[in-house]
Amino acid sequence: MANRISRITAYVEKRKLGFGVARLIMMSGVNVRAIPPDEPDPPDALRRLEQALVRVLSPEELRELQTLLEDDR
């Protein structure tokens, strides 16, 4: 199963295309494309990524993403 960062990246790419992923990378300082989906999430990178999501996604998209992440557990 893919790690949390990979699932978040896939969701942002689906909703906001490549531009959204680029914004997420710039705002978090985490190169999400360089983190293999089969490796564990680096805790600091995940924390920074989650903080940046509130500026990239709408409140509705954040709720949908949270639901998707909870369903994948």
PDB file of N, CA and C in Angstrom:
ATOM      1  N   MET A   1       0.842  -1.183   0.000  1.00  0.00           N
ATOM      2  CA  MET A   1       0.000   0.000   0.000  1.00  0.00           C
ATOM      3  C   MET A   1       0.889   1.249   0.000  1.00  0.00           C
ATOM      4  N   ALA A   2       0.436   2.262  -0.653  1.00  0.00           N
ATOM      5  CA  ALA A   2       1.199   3.507  -0.745  1.00  0.00           C
ATOM      6  C   ALA A   2       1.196   4.233   0.597  1.00  0.00           C
ATOM      7  N   ASN A   3       2.280   4.948   0.840  1.00  0.00           N
ATOM      8  CA  ASN A   3       2.353   5.730   2.072  1.00  0.00           C
ATOM      9  C   ASN A   3       1.400   6.920   2.002  1.00  0.00           C
ATOM     10  N   ARG A   4       1.237   7.593   3.106  1.00  0.00           N
ATOM     11  CA  ARG A   4       0.293   8.718   3.214  1.00  0.00           C
ATOM     12  C   ARG A   4       0.679   9.868   2.279  1.00  0.00           C
ATOM     13  N   ILE A   5       1.965  10.174   2.183  1.00  0.00           N
ATOM     14  CA  ILE A   5       2.424  11.268   1.325  1.00  0.00           C
ATOM     15  C   ILE A   5       2.066  10.989  -0.130  1.00  0.00           C
ATOM     16  N   SER A   6       2.252   9.777  -0.577  1.00  0.00           N
ATOM     17  CA  SER A   6       1.911   9.423  -1.959  1.00  0.00           C
ATOM     18  C   SER A   6       0.416   9.533  -2.215  1.00  0.00           C
ATOM     19  N   ARG A   7      -0.387   9.129  -1.250  1.00  0.00           N
ATOM     20  CA  ARG A   7      -1.844   9.223  -1.410  1.00  0.00           C
ATOM     21  C   ARG A   7      -2.300  10.681  -1.423  1.00  0.00           C
ATOM     22  N   ILE A   8      -1.691  11.511  -0.583  1.00  0.00           N
ATOM     23  CA  ILE A   8      -2.009  12.945  -0.580  1.00  0.00           C
ATOM     24  C   ILE A   8      -1.618  13.560  -1.917  1.00  0.00           C
ATOM     25  N   THR A   9      -0.438  13.234  -2.398  1.00  0.00           N
ATOM     26  CA  THR A   9       0.044  13.769  -3.673  1.00  0.00           C
ATOM     27  C   THR A   9      -0.882  13.376  -4.812  1.00  0.00           C
ATOM     28  N   ALA A  10      -1.318  12.127  -4.838  1.00  0.00           N
ATOM     29  CA  ALA A  10      -2.225  11.668  -5.888  1.00  0.00           C
ATOM     30  C   ALA A  10      -3.549  12.427  -5.840  1.00  0.00           C
ATOM     31  N   TYR A  11      -4.046  12.675  -4.643  1.00  0.00           N
ATOM     32  CA  TYR A  11      -5.305  13.416  -4.505  1.00  0.00           C
ATOM     33  C   TYR A  11      -5.139  14.851  -5.009  1.00  0.00           C
ATOM     34  N   VAL A  12      -4.069  15.514  -4.592  1.00  0.00           N
ATOM     35  CA  VAL A  12      -3.836  16.902  -5.023  1.00  0.00           C
ATOM     36  C   VAL A  12      -3.672  16.950  -6.540  1.00  0.00           C
ATOM     37  N   GLU A  13      -2.966  15.999  -7.105  1.00  0.00           N
ATOM     38  CA  GLU A  13      -2.774  15.988  -8.553  1.00  0.00           C
ATOM     39  C   GLU A  13      -4.103  15.778  -9.280  1.00  0.00           C
ATOM     40  N   LYS A  14      -4.950  14.942  -8.734  1.00  0.00           N
ATOM     41  CA  LYS A  14      -6.261  14.696  -9.343  1.00  0.00           C
ATOM     42  C   LYS A  14      -7.125  15.961  -9.297  1.00  0.00           C
ATOM     43  N   ARG A  15      -7.085  16.683  -8.179  1.00  0.00           N
ATOM     44  CA  ARG A  15      -7.932  17.863  -7.993  1.00  0.00           C
ATOM     45  C   ARG A  15      -7.338  19.143  -8.578  1.00  0.00           C
ATOM     46  N   LYS A  16      -6.022  19.317  -8.429  1.00  0.00           N
ATOM     47  CA  LYS A  16      -5.384  20.590  -8.785  1.00  0.00           C
ATOM     48  C   LYS A  16      -4.348  20.461  -9.897  1.00  0.00           C
ATOM     49  N   LEU A  17      -4.215  19.255 -10.437  1.00  0.00           N
ATOM     50  CA  LEU A  17      -3.258  18.962 -11.507  1.00  0.00           C
ATOM     51  C   LEU A  17      -1.818  19.187 -11.028  1.00  0.00           C
ATOM     52  N   GLY A  18      -0.891  19.234 -11.958  1.00  0.00           N
ATOM     53  CA  GLY A  18       0.522  19.383 -11.620  1.00  0.00           C
ATOM     54  C   GLY A  18       0.827  20.691 -10.918  1.00  0.00           C
ATOM     55  N   PHE A  19       0.056  21.737 -11.251  1.00  0.00           N
ATOM     56  CA  PHE A  19       0.280  23.033 -10.610  1.00  0.00           C
ATOM     57  C   PHE A  19       0.029  22.944  -9.106  1.00  0.00           C
ATOM     58  N   GLY A  20      -1.003  22.217  -8.712  1.00  0.00           N
ATOM     59  CA  GLY A  20      -1.296  22.057  -7.289  1.00  0.00           C
ATOM     60  C   GLY A  20      -0.188  21.320  -6.566  1.00  0.00           C
ATOM     61  N   VAL A  21       0.368  20.307  -7.211  1.00  0.00           N
ATOM     62  CA  VAL A  21       1.478  19.564  -6.598  1.00  0.00           C
ATOM     63  C   VAL A  21       2.703  20.467  -6.493  1.00  0.00           C
ATOM     64  N   ALA A  22       2.959  21.276  -7.512  1.00  0.00           N
ATOM     65  CA  ALA A  22       4.089  22.208  -7.465  1.00  0.00           C
ATOM     66  C   ALA A  22       3.910  23.199  -6.319  1.00  0.00           C
ATOM     67  N   ARG A  23       2.689  23.702  -6.137  1.00  0.00           N
ATOM     68  CA  ARG A  23       2.421  24.617  -5.013  1.00  0.00           C
ATOM     69  C   ARG A  23       2.654  23.920  -3.681  1.00  0.00           C
ATOM     70  N   LEU A  24       2.221  22.687  -3.589  1.00  0.00           N
ATOM     71  CA  LEU A  24       2.400  21.923  -2.358  1.00  0.00           C
ATOM     72  C   LEU A  24       3.888  21.738  -2.050  1.00  0.00           C
ATOM     73  N   ILE A  25       4.667  21.449  -3.075  1.00  0.00           N
ATOM     74  CA  ILE A  25       6.114  21.292  -2.895  1.00  0.00           C
ATOM     75  C   ILE A  25       6.737  22.608  -2.438  1.00  0.00           C
ATOM     76  N   MET A  26       6.353  23.701  -3.104  1.00  0.00           N
ATOM     77  CA  MET A  26       6.926  25.004  -2.747  1.00  0.00           C
ATOM     78  C   MET A  26       6.534  25.430  -1.336  1.00  0.00           C
ATOM     79  N   MET A  27       5.298  25.218  -0.949  1.00  0.00           N
ATOM     80  CA  MET A  27       4.815  25.664   0.358  1.00  0.00           C
ATOM     81  C   MET A  27       5.309  24.796   1.511  1.00  0.00           C
ATOM     82  N   SER A  28       5.543  23.521   1.238  1.00  0.00           N
ATOM     83  CA  SER A  28       5.976  22.619   2.310  1.00  0.00           C
ATOM     84  C   SER A  28       7.485  22.432   2.350  1.00  0.00           C
ATOM     85  N   GLY A  29       8.133  22.655   1.208  1.00  0.00           N
ATOM     86  CA  GLY A  29       9.565  22.389   1.139  1.00  0.00           C
ATOM     87  C   GLY A  29       9.872  20.901   1.035  1.00  0.00           C
ATOM     88  N   VAL A  30       8.864  20.099   0.728  1.00  0.00           N
ATOM     89  CA  VAL A  30       9.018  18.649   0.631  1.00  0.00           C
ATOM     90  C   VAL A  30       8.867  18.245  -0.831  1.00  0.00           C
ATOM     91  N   ASN A  31       9.889  17.597  -1.379  1.00  0.00           N
ATOM     92  CA  ASN A  31       9.797  17.105  -2.748  1.00  0.00           C
ATOM     93  C   ASN A  31       9.023  15.792  -2.722  1.00  0.00           C
ATOM     94  N   VAL A  32       7.711  15.902  -2.820  1.00  0.00           N
ATOM     95  CA  VAL A  32       6.848  14.728  -2.687  1.00  0.00           C
ATOM     96  C   VAL A  32       7.083  13.711  -3.792  1.00  0.00           C
ATOM     97  N   ARG A  33       7.595  14.143  -4.914  1.00  0.00           N
ATOM     98  CA  ARG A  33       7.859  13.239  -6.040  1.00  0.00           C
ATOM     99  C   ARG A  33       9.069  12.336  -5.766  1.00  0.00           C
ATOM    100  N   ALA A  34       9.928  12.724  -4.829  1.00  0.00           N
ATOM    101  CA  ALA A  34      11.138  11.960  -4.546  1.00  0.00           C
ATOM    102  C   ALA A  34      10.938  10.907  -3.451  1.00  0.00           C
ATOM    103  N   ILE A  35       9.761  10.878  -2.852  1.00  0.00           N
ATOM    104  CA  ILE A  35       9.497   9.918  -1.776  1.00  0.00           C
ATOM    105  C   ILE A  35       8.784   8.707  -2.376  1.00  0.00           C
ATOM    106  N   PRO A  36       9.468   7.558  -2.411  1.00  0.00           N
ATOM    107  CA  PRO A  36       8.862   6.354  -2.995  1.00  0.00           C
ATOM    108  C   PRO A  36       7.605   5.940  -2.226  1.00  0.00           C
ATOM    109  N   PRO A  37       6.573   5.496  -2.926  1.00  0.00           N
ATOM    110  CA  PRO A  37       5.307   5.150  -2.267  1.00  0.00           C
ATOM    111  C   PRO A  37       5.387   3.946  -1.333  1.00  0.00           C
ATOM    112  N   ASP A  38       6.405   3.116  -1.490  1.00  0.00           N
ATOM    113  CA  ASP A  38       6.506   1.924  -0.646  1.00  0.00           C
ATOM    114  C   ASP A  38       7.388   2.126   0.580  1.00  0.00           C
ATOM    115  N   GLU A  39       7.910   3.332   0.783  1.00  0.00           N
ATOM    116  CA  GLU A  39       8.720   3.633   1.969  1.00  0.00           C
ATOM    117  C   GLU A  39       7.853   4.326   3.016  1.00  0.00           C
ATOM    118  N   PRO A  40       8.228   4.203   4.296  1.00  0.00           N
ATOM    119  CA  PRO A  40       7.471   4.900   5.340  1.00  0.00           C
ATOM    120  C   PRO A  40       7.561   6.420   5.165  1.00  0.00           C
ATOM    121  N   ASP A  41       6.511   7.110   5.621  1.00  0.00           N
ATOM    122  CA  ASP A  41       6.502   8.570   5.560  1.00  0.00           C
ATOM    123  C   ASP A  41       7.545   9.148   6.513  1.00  0.00           C
ATOM    124  N   PRO A  42       8.396  10.066   6.035  1.00  0.00           N
ATOM    125  CA  PRO A  42       9.262  10.786   6.972  1.00  0.00           C
ATOM    126  C   PRO A  42       8.369  11.690   7.832  1.00  0.00           C
ATOM    127  N   PRO A  43       8.405  11.556   9.158  1.00  0.00           N
ATOM    128  CA  PRO A  43       7.470  12.300  10.021  1.00  0.00           C
ATOM    129  C   PRO A  43       7.522  13.819   9.827  1.00  0.00           C
ATOM    130  N   ASP A  44       8.704  14.388   9.722  1.00  0.00           N
ATOM    131  CA  ASP A  44       8.804  15.833   9.560  1.00  0.00           C
ATOM    132  C   ASP A  44       8.230  16.275   8.219  1.00  0.00           C
ATOM    133  N   ALA A  45       8.498  15.511   7.182  1.00  0.00           N
ATOM    134  CA  ALA A  45       7.971  15.841   5.852  1.00  0.00           C
ATOM    135  C   ALA A  45       6.444  15.748   5.850  1.00  0.00           C
ATOM    136  N   LEU A  46       5.890  14.741   6.471  1.00  0.00           N
ATOM    137  CA  LEU A  46       4.442  14.584   6.531  1.00  0.00           C
ATOM    138  C   LEU A  46       3.807  15.746   7.290  1.00  0.00           C
ATOM    139  N   ARG A  47       4.408  16.148   8.384  1.00  0.00           N
ATOM    140  CA  ARG A  47       3.888  17.269   9.174  1.00  0.00           C
ATOM    141  C   ARG A  47       3.870  18.550   8.349  1.00  0.00           C
ATOM    142  N   ARG A  48       4.976  18.839   7.652  1.00  0.00           N
ATOM    143  CA  ARG A  48       5.044  20.056   6.832  1.00  0.00           C
ATOM    144  C   ARG A  48       4.068  19.994   5.663  1.00  0.00           C
ATOM    145  N   LEU A  49       3.914  18.829   5.094  1.00  0.00           N
ATOM    146  CA  LEU A  49       2.978  18.654   3.992  1.00  0.00           C
ATOM    147  C   LEU A  49       1.541  18.905   4.453  1.00  0.00           C
ATOM    148  N   GLU A  50       1.178  18.352   5.588  1.00  0.00           N
ATOM    149  CA  GLU A  50      -0.176  18.544   6.117  1.00  0.00           C
ATOM    150  C   GLU A  50      -0.445  20.008   6.451  1.00  0.00           C
ATOM    151  N   GLN A  51       0.554  20.723   6.928  1.00  0.00           N
ATOM    152  CA  GLN A  51       0.390  22.153   7.213  1.00  0.00           C
ATOM    153  C   GLN A  51       0.161  22.949   5.924  1.00  0.00           C
ATOM    154  N   ALA A  52       0.812  22.574   4.852  1.00  0.00           N
ATOM    155  CA  ALA A  52       0.677  23.286   3.575  1.00  0.00           C
ATOM    156  C   ALA A  52      -0.650  22.985   2.890  1.00  0.00           C
ATOM    157  N   LEU A  53      -1.245  21.842   3.177  1.00  0.00           N
ATOM    158  CA  LEU A  53      -2.490  21.457   2.511  1.00  0.00           C
ATOM    159  C   LEU A  53      -3.607  22.471   2.720  1.00  0.00           C
ATOM    160  N   VAL A  54      -3.632  23.129   3.875  1.00  0.00           N
ATOM    161  CA  VAL A  54      -4.716  24.083   4.145  1.00  0.00           C
ATOM    162  C   VAL A  54      -4.653  25.292   3.222  1.00  0.00           C
ATOM    163  N   ARG A  55      -3.498  25.526   2.608  1.00  0.00           N
ATOM    164  CA  ARG A  55      -3.368  26.651   1.673  1.00  0.00           C
ATOM    165  C   ARG A  55      -3.536  26.213   0.221  1.00  0.00           C
ATOM    166  N   VAL A  56      -3.563  24.919  -0.014  1.00  0.00           N
ATOM    167  CA  VAL A  56      -3.677  24.406  -1.380  1.00  0.00           C
ATOM    168  C   VAL A  56      -5.093  23.898  -1.675  1.00  0.00           C
ATOM    169  N   LEU A  57      -5.720  23.294  -0.675  1.00  0.00           N
ATOM    170  CA  LEU A  57      -7.043  22.702  -0.871  1.00  0.00           C
ATOM    171  C   LEU A  57      -8.123  23.525  -0.168  1.00  0.00           C
ATOM    172  N   SER A  58      -9.317  23.441  -0.697  1.00  0.00           N
ATOM    173  CA  SER A  58     -10.469  24.092  -0.066  1.00  0.00           C
ATOM    174  C   SER A  58     -10.880  23.273   1.168  1.00  0.00           C
ATOM    175  N   PRO A  59     -11.681  23.868   2.068  1.00  0.00           N
ATOM    176  CA  PRO A  59     -12.151  23.095   3.232  1.00  0.00           C
ATOM    177  C   PRO A  59     -12.903  21.826   2.829  1.00  0.00           C
ATOM    178  N   GLU A  60     -13.686  21.898   1.764  1.00  0.00           N
ATOM    179  CA  GLU A  60     -14.411  20.721   1.290  1.00  0.00           C
ATOM    180  C   GLU A  60     -13.444  19.641   0.801  1.00  0.00           C
ATOM    181  N   GLU A  61     -12.415  20.055   0.059  1.00  0.00           N
ATOM    182  CA  GLU A  61     -11.422  19.098  -0.440  1.00  0.00           C
ATOM    183  C   GLU A  61     -10.630  18.490   0.716  1.00  0.00           C
ATOM    184  N   LEU A  62     -10.332  19.289   1.731  1.00  0.00           N
ATOM    185  CA  LEU A  62      -9.623  18.763   2.899  1.00  0.00           C
ATOM    186  C   LEU A  62     -10.452  17.690   3.601  1.00  0.00           C
ATOM    187  N   ARG A  63     -11.753  17.931   3.744  1.00  0.00           N
ATOM    188  CA  ARG A  63     -12.634  16.929   4.369  1.00  0.00           C
ATOM    189  C   ARG A  63     -12.681  15.648   3.534  1.00  0.00           C
ATOM    190  N   GLU A  64     -12.787  15.817   2.215  1.00  0.00           N
ATOM    191  CA  GLU A  64     -12.823  14.648   1.333  1.00  0.00           C
ATOM    192  C   GLU A  64     -11.520  13.855   1.425  1.00  0.00           C
ATOM    193  N   LEU A  65     -10.387  14.552   1.420  1.00  0.00           N
ATOM    194  CA  LEU A  65      -9.085  13.889   1.530  1.00  0.00           C
ATOM    195  C   LEU A  65      -8.981  13.150   2.855  1.00  0.00           C
ATOM    196  N   GLN A  66      -9.403  13.784   3.928  1.00  0.00           N
ATOM    197  CA  GLN A  66      -9.337  13.135   5.248  1.00  0.00           C
ATOM    198  C   GLN A  66     -10.173  11.856   5.266  1.00  0.00           C
ATOM    199  N   THR A  67     -11.344  11.908   4.667  1.00  0.00           N
ATOM    200  CA  THR A  67     -12.205  10.729   4.589  1.00  0.00           C
ATOM    201  C   THR A  67     -11.530   9.616   3.788  1.00  0.00           C
ATOM    202  N   LEU A  68     -10.926   9.988   2.657  1.00  0.00           N
ATOM    203  CA  LEU A  68     -10.231   8.995   1.840  1.00  0.00           C
ATOM    204  C   LEU A  68      -9.064   8.356   2.585  1.00  0.00           C
ATOM    205  N   LEU A  69      -8.308   9.170   3.304  1.00  0.00           N
ATOM    206  CA  LEU A  69      -7.157   8.650   4.048  1.00  0.00           C
ATOM    207  C   LEU A  69      -7.610   7.735   5.181  1.00  0.00           C
ATOM    208  N   GLU A  70      -8.712   8.072   5.837  1.00  0.00           N
ATOM    209  CA  GLU A  70      -9.231   7.219   6.911  1.00  0.00           C
ATOM    210  C   GLU A  70      -9.771   5.897   6.354  1.00  0.00           C
ATOM    211  N   ASP A  71     -10.400   5.949   5.184  1.00  0.00           N
ATOM    212  CA  ASP A  71     -10.944   4.735   4.567  1.00  0.00           C
ATOM    213  C   ASP A  71      -9.849   3.769   4.125  1.00  0.00           C
ATOM    214  N   ASP A  72      -8.666   4.300   3.822  1.00  0.00           N
ATOM    215  CA  ASP A  72      -7.557   3.464   3.338  1.00  0.00           C
ATOM    216  C   ASP A  72      -6.833   2.740   4.467  1.00  0.00           C
ATOM    217  N   ARG A  73      -7.151   3.031   5.692  1.00  0.00           N
ATOM    218  CA  ARG A  73      -6.439   2.397   6.817  1.00  0.00           C
ATOM    219  C   ARG A  73      -6.821   0.981   6.999  1.00  0.00           C
TER     220      ARG A  73
END
